[in-house]
mmCIF file of all heavy atoms, coordinates in Angstrom:
data_MODEL
# 
_entry.id   MODEL 
# 
loop_
_atom_site.group_PDB 
_atom_site.id 
_atom_site.type_symbol 
_atom_site.label_atom_id 
_atom_site.label_alt_id 
_atom_site.label_comp_id 
_atom_site.label_asym_id 
_atom_site.label_entity_id 
_atom_site.label_seq_id 
_atom_site.pdbx_PDB_ins_code 
_atom_site.Cartn_x 
_atom_site.Cartn_y 
_atom_site.Cartn_z 
_atom_site.occupancy 
_atom_site.B_iso_or_equiv 
_atom_site.pdbx_formal_charge 
_atom_site.auth_seq_id 
_atom_site.auth_comp_id 
_atom_site.auth_asym_id 
_atom_site.auth_atom_id 
_atom_site.pdbx_PDB_model_num 
ATOM 1   N N   . SER A 1 1  ? 0.844  -1.185  0.000   1.00 0.00 ? 1  SER A N   1 
ATOM 2   C CA  . SER A 1 1  ? 0.000  0.000   0.000   1.00 0.00 ? 1  SER A CA  1 
ATOM 3   C C   . SER A 1 1  ? 0.881  1.237   0.000   1.00 0.00 ? 1  SER A C   1 
ATOM 4   O O   . SER A 1 1  ? 2.076  1.153   0.283   1.00 0.00 ? 1  SER A O   1 
ATOM 5   C CB  . SER A 1 1  ? -0.925 0.008   1.219   1.00 0.00 ? 1  SER A CB  1 
ATOM 6   O OG  . SER A 1 1  ? -0.169 0.004   2.416   1.00 0.00 ? 1  SER A OG  1 
ATOM 7   N N   . GLY A 1 2  ? 0.256  2.371   -0.338  1.00 0.00 ? 2  GLY A N   1 
ATOM 8   C CA  . GLY A 1 2  ? 0.954  3.647   -0.223  1.00 0.00 ? 2  GLY A CA  1 
ATOM 9   C C   . GLY A 1 2  ? 1.337  4.299   -1.528  1.00 0.00 ? 2  GLY A C   1 
ATOM 10  O O   . GLY A 1 2  ? 1.844  5.426   -1.527  1.00 0.00 ? 2  GLY A O   1 
ATOM 11  N N   . GLY A 1 3  ? 1.127  3.631   -2.645  1.00 0.00 ? 3  GLY A N   1 
ATOM 12  C CA  . GLY A 1 3  ? 1.462  4.247   -3.919  1.00 0.00 ? 3  GLY A CA  1 
ATOM 13  C C   . GLY A 1 3  ? 0.473  5.344   -4.279  1.00 0.00 ? 3  GLY A C   1 
ATOM 14  O O   . GLY A 1 3  ? -0.525 5.556   -3.594  1.00 0.00 ? 3  GLY A O   1 
ATOM 15  N N   . GLY A 1 4  ? 0.775  6.034   -5.382  1.00 0.00 ? 4  GLY A N   1 
ATOM 16  C CA  . GLY A 1 4  ? -0.130 7.083   -5.829  1.00 0.00 ? 4  GLY A CA  1 
ATOM 17  C C   . GLY A 1 4  ? 0.563  8.080   -6.717  1.00 0.00 ? 4  GLY A C   1 
ATOM 18  O O   . GLY A 1 4  ? 1.669  7.858   -7.186  1.00 0.00 ? 4  GLY A O   1 
ATOM 19  N N   . LEU A 1 5  ? -0.132 9.206   -6.905  1.00 0.00 ? 5  LEU A N   1 
ATOM 20  C CA  . LEU A 1 5  ? 0.371  10.300  -7.731  1.00 0.00 ? 5  LEU A CA  1 
ATOM 21  C C   . LEU A 1 5  ? 0.904  11.404  -6.819  1.00 0.00 ? 5  LEU A C   1 
ATOM 22  O O   . LEU A 1 5  ? 0.199  11.817  -5.878  1.00 0.00 ? 5  LEU A O   1 
ATOM 23  C CB  . LEU A 1 5  ? -0.747 10.838  -8.617  1.00 0.00 ? 5  LEU A CB  1 
ATOM 24  C CG  . LEU A 1 5  ? -0.448 12.103  -9.421  1.00 0.00 ? 5  LEU A CG  1 
ATOM 25  C CD1 . LEU A 1 5  ? 0.648  11.847  -10.445 1.00 0.00 ? 5  LEU A CD1 1 
ATOM 26  C CD2 . LEU A 1 5  ? -1.725 12.593  -10.097 1.00 0.00 ? 5  LEU A CD2 1 
ATOM 27  N N   . VAL A 1 6  ? 2.094  11.870  -7.099  1.00 0.00 ? 6  VAL A N   1 
ATOM 28  C CA  . VAL A 1 6  ? 2.694  12.925  -6.283  1.00 0.00 ? 6  VAL A CA  1 
ATOM 29  C C   . VAL A 1 6  ? 3.466  13.864  -7.198  1.00 0.00 ? 6  VAL A C   1 
ATOM 30  O O   . VAL A 1 6  ? 3.972  13.447  -8.252  1.00 0.00 ? 6  VAL A O   1 
ATOM 31  C CB  . VAL A 1 6  ? 3.605  12.311  -5.190  1.00 0.00 ? 6  VAL A CB  1 
ATOM 32  C CG1 . VAL A 1 6  ? 4.784  11.588  -5.811  1.00 0.00 ? 6  VAL A CG1 1 
ATOM 33  C CG2 . VAL A 1 6  ? 4.075  13.362  -4.209  1.00 0.00 ? 6  VAL A CG2 1 
ATOM 34  N N   . GLN A 1 7  ? 3.555  15.121  -6.803  1.00 0.00 ? 7  GLN A N   1 
ATOM 35  C CA  . GLN A 1 7  ? 4.306  16.095  -7.583  1.00 0.00 ? 7  GLN A CA  1 
ATOM 36  C C   . GLN A 1 7  ? 5.809  15.929  -7.330  1.00 0.00 ? 7  GLN A C   1 
ATOM 37  O O   . GLN A 1 7  ? 6.219  15.445  -6.270  1.00 0.00 ? 7  GLN A O   1 
ATOM 38  C CB  . GLN A 1 7  ? 3.868  17.506  -7.218  1.00 0.00 ? 7  GLN A CB  1 
ATOM 39  C CG  . GLN A 1 7  ? 2.449  17.833  -7.639  1.00 0.00 ? 7  GLN A CG  1 
ATOM 40  C CD  . GLN A 1 7  ? 2.113  19.299  -7.399  1.00 0.00 ? 7  GLN A CD  1 
ATOM 41  O OE1 . GLN A 1 7  ? 2.771  19.992  -6.644  1.00 0.00 ? 7  GLN A OE1 1 
ATOM 42  N NE2 . GLN A 1 7  ? 1.069  19.772  -8.069  1.00 0.00 ? 7  GLN A NE2 1 
ATOM 43  N N   . PRO A 1 8  ? 6.620  16.352  -8.282  1.00 0.00 ? 8  PRO A N   1 
ATOM 44  C CA  . PRO A 1 8  ? 8.076  16.319  -8.056  1.00 0.00 ? 8  PRO A CA  1 
ATOM 45  C C   . PRO A 1 8  ? 8.446  17.058  -6.780  1.00 0.00 ? 8  PRO A C   1 
ATOM 46  O O   . PRO A 1 8  ? 7.892  18.129  -6.492  1.00 0.00 ? 8  PRO A O   1 
ATOM 47  C CB  . PRO A 1 8  ? 8.628  17.033  -9.292  1.00 0.00 ? 8  PRO A CB  1 
ATOM 48  C CG  . PRO A 1 8  ? 7.611  16.769  -10.347 1.00 0.00 ? 8  PRO A CG  1 
ATOM 49  C CD  . PRO A 1 8  ? 6.289  16.797  -9.640  1.00 0.00 ? 8  PRO A CD  1 
ATOM 50  N N   . GLY A 1 9  ? 9.346  16.453  -6.020  1.00 0.00 ? 9  GLY A N   1 
ATOM 51  C CA  . GLY A 1 9  ? 9.733  17.010  -4.733  1.00 0.00 ? 9  GLY A CA  1 
ATOM 52  C C   . GLY A 1 9  ? 8.905  16.515  -3.571  1.00 0.00 ? 9  GLY A C   1 
ATOM 53  O O   . GLY A 1 9  ? 9.251  16.770  -2.412  1.00 0.00 ? 9  GLY A O   1 
ATOM 54  N N   . GLY A 1 10 ? 7.837  15.818  -3.866  1.00 0.00 ? 10 GLY A N   1 
ATOM 55  C CA  . GLY A 1 10 ? 6.953  15.322  -2.826  1.00 0.00 ? 10 GLY A CA  1 
ATOM 56  C C   . GLY A 1 10 ? 7.450  14.024  -2.204  1.00 0.00 ? 10 GLY A C   1 
ATOM 57  O O   . GLY A 1 10 ? 8.533  13.529  -2.523  1.00 0.00 ? 10 GLY A O   1 
ATOM 58  N N   . SER A 1 11 ? 6.620  13.489  -1.306  1.00 0.00 ? 11 SER A N   1 
ATOM 59  C CA  . SER A 1 11 ? 6.976  12.278  -0.567  1.00 0.00 ? 11 SER A CA  1 
ATOM 60  C C   . SER A 1 11 ? 5.845  11.265  -0.598  1.00 0.00 ? 11 SER A C   1 
ATOM 61  O O   . SER A 1 11 ? 4.667  11.629  -0.701  1.00 0.00 ? 11 SER A O   1 
ATOM 62  C CB  . SER A 1 11 ? 7.284  12.625  0.898   1.00 0.00 ? 11 SER A CB  1 
ATOM 63  O OG  . SER A 1 11 ? 8.390  13.487  1.010   1.00 0.00 ? 11 SER A OG  1 
ATOM 64  N N   . LEU A 1 12 ? 6.222  10.014  -0.498  1.00 0.00 ? 12 LEU A N   1 
ATOM 65  C CA  . LEU A 1 12 ? 5.282  8.912   -0.336  1.00 0.00 ? 12 LEU A CA  1 
ATOM 66  C C   . LEU A 1 12 ? 5.920  7.883   0.590   1.00 0.00 ? 12 LEU A C   1 
ATOM 67  O O   . LEU A 1 12 ? 7.147  7.772   0.651   1.00 0.00 ? 12 LEU A O   1 
ATOM 68  C CB  . LEU A 1 12 ? 4.963  8.231   -1.669  1.00 0.00 ? 12 LEU A CB  1 
ATOM 69  C CG  . LEU A 1 12 ? 4.033  8.929   -2.648  1.00 0.00 ? 12 LEU A CG  1 
ATOM 70  C CD1 . LEU A 1 12 ? 3.986  8.156   -3.952  1.00 0.00 ? 12 LEU A CD1 1 
ATOM 71  C CD2 . LEU A 1 12 ? 2.646  9.083   -2.057  1.00 0.00 ? 12 LEU A CD2 1 
ATOM 72  N N   . ARG A 1 13 ? 5.068  7.115   1.260   1.00 0.00 ? 13 ARG A N   1 
ATOM 73  C CA  . ARG A 1 13 ? 5.554  6.022   2.092   1.00 0.00 ? 13 ARG A CA  1 
ATOM 74  C C   . ARG A 1 13 ? 4.854  4.745   1.671   1.00 0.00 ? 13 ARG A C   1 
ATOM 75  O O   . ARG A 1 13 ? 3.626  4.651   1.752   1.00 0.00 ? 13 ARG A O   1 
ATOM 76  C CB  . ARG A 1 13 ? 5.278  6.294   3.564   1.00 0.00 ? 13 ARG A CB  1 
ATOM 77  C CG  . ARG A 1 13 ? 5.948  5.298   4.504   1.00 0.00 ? 13 ARG A CG  1 
ATOM 78  C CD  . ARG A 1 13 ? 5.435  5.456   5.906   1.00 0.00 ? 13 ARG A CD  1 
ATOM 79  N NE  . ARG A 1 13 ? 6.241  4.759   6.892   1.00 0.00 ? 13 ARG A NE  1 
ATOM 80  C CZ  . ARG A 1 13 ? 5.775  4.276   8.037   1.00 0.00 ? 13 ARG A CZ  1 
ATOM 81  N NH1 . ARG A 1 13 ? 4.482  4.423   8.326   1.00 0.00 ? 13 ARG A NH1 1 
ATOM 82  N NH2 . ARG A 1 13 ? 6.580  3.665   8.893   1.00 0.00 ? 13 ARG A NH2 1 
ATOM 83  N N   . LEU A 1 14 ? 5.638  3.779   1.233   1.00 0.00 ? 14 LEU A N   1 
ATOM 84  C CA  . LEU A 1 14 ? 5.099  2.480   0.856   1.00 0.00 ? 14 LEU A CA  1 
ATOM 85  C C   . LEU A 1 14 ? 5.193  1.528   2.041   1.00 0.00 ? 14 LEU A C   1 
ATOM 86  O O   . LEU A 1 14 ? 6.147  1.572   2.814   1.00 0.00 ? 14 LEU A O   1 
ATOM 87  C CB  . LEU A 1 14 ? 5.870  1.901   -0.322  1.00 0.00 ? 14 LEU A CB  1 
ATOM 88  C CG  . LEU A 1 14 ? 5.971  2.756   -1.589  1.00 0.00 ? 14 LEU A CG  1 
ATOM 89  C CD1 . LEU A 1 14 ? 6.714  1.985   -2.673  1.00 0.00 ? 14 LEU A CD1 1 
ATOM 90  C CD2 . LEU A 1 14 ? 4.603  3.186   -2.061  1.00 0.00 ? 14 LEU A CD2 1 
ATOM 91  N N   . SER A 1 15 ? 4.204  0.657   2.138   1.00 0.00 ? 15 SER A N   1 
ATOM 92  C CA  . SER A 1 15 ? 4.202  -0.384  3.166   1.00 0.00 ? 15 SER A CA  1 
ATOM 93  C C   . SER A 1 15 ? 3.947  -1.734  2.514   1.00 0.00 ? 15 SER A C   1 
ATOM 94  O O   . SER A 1 15 ? 3.253  -1.818  1.497   1.00 0.00 ? 15 SER A O   1 
ATOM 95  C CB  . SER A 1 15 ? 3.111  -0.128  4.202   1.00 0.00 ? 15 SER A CB  1 
ATOM 96  O OG  . SER A 1 15 ? 3.283  1.103   4.857   1.00 0.00 ? 15 SER A OG  1 
ATOM 97  N N   . CYS A 1 16 ? 4.492  -2.763  3.101   1.00 0.00 ? 16 CYS A N   1 
ATOM 98  C CA  . CYS A 1 16 ? 4.272  -4.130  2.606   1.00 0.00 ? 16 CYS A CA  1 
ATOM 99  C C   . CYS A 1 16 ? 4.187  -5.050  3.817   1.00 0.00 ? 16 CYS A C   1 
ATOM 100 O O   . CYS A 1 16 ? 5.170  -5.209  4.548   1.00 0.00 ? 16 CYS A O   1 
ATOM 101 C CB  . CYS A 1 16 ? 5.406  -4.554  1.698   1.00 0.00 ? 16 CYS A CB  1 
ATOM 102 S SG  . CYS A 1 16 ? 5.346  -6.286  1.186   1.00 0.00 ? 16 CYS A SG  1 
ATOM 103 N N   . ALA A 1 17 ? 3.015  -5.631  4.007   1.00 0.00 ? 17 ALA A N   1 
ATOM 104 C CA  . ALA A 1 17 ? 2.788  -6.517  5.146   1.00 0.00 ? 17 ALA A CA  1 
ATOM 105 C C   . ALA A 1 17 ? 2.757  -7.966  4.678   1.00 0.00 ? 17 ALA A C   1 
ATOM 106 O O   . ALA A 1 17 ? 2.049  -8.300  3.720   1.00 0.00 ? 17 ALA A O   1 
ATOM 107 C CB  . ALA A 1 17 ? 1.476  -6.161  5.829   1.00 0.00 ? 17 ALA A CB  1 
ATOM 108 N N   . ALA A 1 18 ? 3.522  -8.797  5.348   1.00 0.00 ? 18 ALA A N   1 
ATOM 109 C CA  . ALA A 1 18 ? 3.584  -10.220 5.013   1.00 0.00 ? 18 ALA A CA  1 
ATOM 110 C C   . ALA A 1 18 ? 2.740  -11.025 5.995   1.00 0.00 ? 18 ALA A C   1 
ATOM 111 O O   . ALA A 1 18 ? 2.744  -10.760 7.199   1.00 0.00 ? 18 ALA A O   1 
ATOM 112 C CB  . ALA A 1 18 ? 5.021  -10.713 5.056   1.00 0.00 ? 18 ALA A CB  1 
ATOM 113 N N   . SER A 1 19 ? 2.026  -12.014 5.466   1.00 0.00 ? 19 SER A N   1 
ATOM 114 C CA  . SER A 1 19 ? 1.238  -12.907 6.302   1.00 0.00 ? 19 SER A CA  1 
ATOM 115 C C   . SER A 1 19 ? 1.399  -14.335 5.788   1.00 0.00 ? 19 SER A C   1 
ATOM 116 O O   . SER A 1 19 ? 1.898  -14.564 4.694   1.00 0.00 ? 19 SER A O   1 
ATOM 117 C CB  . SER A 1 19 ? -0.240 -12.507 6.293   1.00 0.00 ? 19 SER A CB  1 
ATOM 118 O OG  . SER A 1 19 ? -0.762 -12.598 4.980   1.00 0.00 ? 19 SER A OG  1 
ATOM 119 N N   . GLY A 1 20 ? 0.956  -15.287 6.610   1.00 0.00 ? 20 GLY A N   1 
ATOM 120 C CA  . GLY A 1 20 ? 0.995  -16.678 6.190   1.00 0.00 ? 20 GLY A CA  1 
ATOM 121 C C   . GLY A 1 20 ? 2.274  -17.409 6.528   1.00 0.00 ? 20 GLY A C   1 
ATOM 122 O O   . GLY A 1 20 ? 2.517  -18.506 6.028   1.00 0.00 ? 20 GLY A O   1 
ATOM 123 N N   . THR A 1 21 ? 3.071  -16.816 7.420   1.00 0.00 ? 21 THR A N   1 
ATOM 124 C CA  . THR A 1 21 ? 4.291  -17.481 7.837   1.00 0.00 ? 21 THR A CA  1 
ATOM 125 C C   . THR A 1 21 ? 4.534  -17.245 9.308   1.00 0.00 ? 21 THR A C   1 
ATOM 126 O O   . THR A 1 21 ? 4.262  -16.162 9.817   1.00 0.00 ? 21 THR A O   1 
ATOM 127 C CB  . THR A 1 21 ? 5.504  -16.988 7.043   1.00 0.00 ? 21 THR A CB  1 
ATOM 128 O OG1 . THR A 1 21 ? 6.686  -17.666 7.548   1.00 0.00 ? 21 THR A OG1 1 
ATOM 129 C CG2 . THR A 1 21 ? 5.724  -15.489 7.185   1.00 0.00 ? 21 THR A CG2 1 
ATOM 130 N N   . SER A 1 22 ? 5.015  -18.280 9.978   1.00 0.00 ? 22 SER A N   1 
ATOM 131 C CA  . SER A 1 22 ? 5.422  -18.148 11.373  1.00 0.00 ? 22 SER A CA  1 
ATOM 132 C C   . SER A 1 22 ? 6.937  -18.123 11.497  1.00 0.00 ? 22 SER A C   1 
ATOM 133 O O   . SER A 1 22 ? 7.478  -18.004 12.589  1.00 0.00 ? 22 SER A O   1 
ATOM 134 C CB  . SER A 1 22 ? 4.843  -19.301 12.205  1.00 0.00 ? 22 SER A CB  1 
ATOM 135 O OG  . SER A 1 22 ? 5.310  -20.542 11.690  1.00 0.00 ? 22 SER A OG  1 
ATOM 136 N N   . SER A 1 23 ? 7.601  -18.225 10.354  1.00 0.00 ? 23 SER A N   1 
ATOM 137 C CA  . SER A 1 23 ? 9.065  -18.211 10.346  1.00 0.00 ? 23 SER A CA  1 
ATOM 138 C C   . SER A 1 23 ? 9.565  -16.774 10.319  1.00 0.00 ? 23 SER A C   1 
ATOM 139 O O   . SER A 1 23 ? 8.866  -15.869 9.854   1.00 0.00 ? 23 SER A O   1 
ATOM 140 C CB  . SER A 1 23 ? 9.598  -18.954 9.114   1.00 0.00 ? 23 SER A CB  1 
ATOM 141 O OG  . SER A 1 23 ? 9.169  -20.291 9.107   1.00 0.00 ? 23 SER A OG  1 
ATOM 142 N N   . ARG A 1 24 ? 10.772 -16.599 10.796  1.00 0.00 ? 24 ARG A N   1 
ATOM 143 C CA  . ARG A 1 24 ? 11.368 -15.267 10.736  1.00 0.00 ? 24 ARG A CA  1 
ATOM 144 C C   . ARG A 1 24 ? 11.716 -14.939 9.289   1.00 0.00 ? 24 ARG A C   1 
ATOM 145 O O   . ARG A 1 24 ? 12.231 -15.764 8.546   1.00 0.00 ? 24 ARG A O   1 
ATOM 146 C CB  . ARG A 1 24 ? 12.617 -15.207 11.604  1.00 0.00 ? 24 ARG A CB  1 
ATOM 147 C CG  . ARG A 1 24 ? 12.334 -15.291 13.090  1.00 0.00 ? 24 ARG A CG  1 
ATOM 148 C CD  . ARG A 1 24 ? 13.583 -15.044 13.900  1.00 0.00 ? 24 ARG A CD  1 
ATOM 149 N NE  . ARG A 1 24 ? 14.060 -13.663 13.777  1.00 0.00 ? 24 ARG A NE  1 
ATOM 150 C CZ  . ARG A 1 24 ? 15.156 -13.211 14.364  1.00 0.00 ? 24 ARG A CZ  1 
ATOM 151 N NH1 . ARG A 1 24 ? 15.920 -14.024 15.083  1.00 0.00 ? 24 ARG A NH1 1 
ATOM 152 N NH2 . ARG A 1 24 ? 15.520 -11.966 14.224  1.00 0.00 ? 24 ARG A NH2 1 
ATOM 153 N N   . ILE A 1 25 ? 11.403 -13.715 8.929   1.00 0.00 ? 25 ILE A N   1 
ATOM 154 C CA  . ILE A 1 25 ? 11.687 -13.263 7.580   1.00 0.00 ? 25 ILE A CA  1 
ATOM 155 C C   . ILE A 1 25 ? 13.140 -12.819 7.499   1.00 0.00 ? 25 ILE A C   1 
ATOM 156 O O   . ILE A 1 25 ? 13.626 -12.103 8.380   1.00 0.00 ? 25 ILE A O   1 
ATOM 157 C CB  . ILE A 1 25 ? 10.738 -12.120 7.184   1.00 0.00 ? 25 ILE A CB  1 
ATOM 158 C CG1 . ILE A 1 25 ? 9.291  -12.632 7.181   1.00 0.00 ? 25 ILE A CG1 1 
ATOM 159 C CG2 . ILE A 1 25 ? 11.126 -11.559 5.821   1.00 0.00 ? 25 ILE A CG2 1 
ATOM 160 C CD1 . ILE A 1 25 ? 8.264  -11.541 6.926   1.00 0.00 ? 25 ILE A CD1 1 
ATOM 161 N N   . ASN A 1 26 ? 13.815 -13.240 6.481   1.00 0.00 ? 26 ASN A N   1 
ATOM 162 C CA  . ASN A 1 26 ? 15.202 -12.830 6.281   1.00 0.00 ? 26 ASN A CA  1 
ATOM 163 C C   . ASN A 1 26 ? 15.227 -11.460 5.604   1.00 0.00 ? 26 ASN A C   1 
ATOM 164 O O   . ASN A 1 26 ? 14.688 -10.507 6.132   1.00 0.00 ? 26 ASN A O   1 
ATOM 165 C CB  . ASN A 1 26 ? 15.949 -13.903 5.506   1.00 0.00 ? 26 ASN A CB  1 
ATOM 166 C CG  . ASN A 1 26 ? 16.058 -15.187 6.295   1.00 0.00 ? 26 ASN A CG  1 
ATOM 167 O OD1 . ASN A 1 26 ? 16.365 -15.176 7.489   1.00 0.00 ? 26 ASN A OD1 1 
ATOM 168 N ND2 . ASN A 1 26 ? 15.773 -16.302 5.657   1.00 0.00 ? 26 ASN A ND2 1 
# 
């Protein structure tokens, strides 16, 4: 999540949530 349209010089923050694992993510 977090994508979109932004003007030059602007900011965005992307997020990525992982599910379906009980193992530690490398």
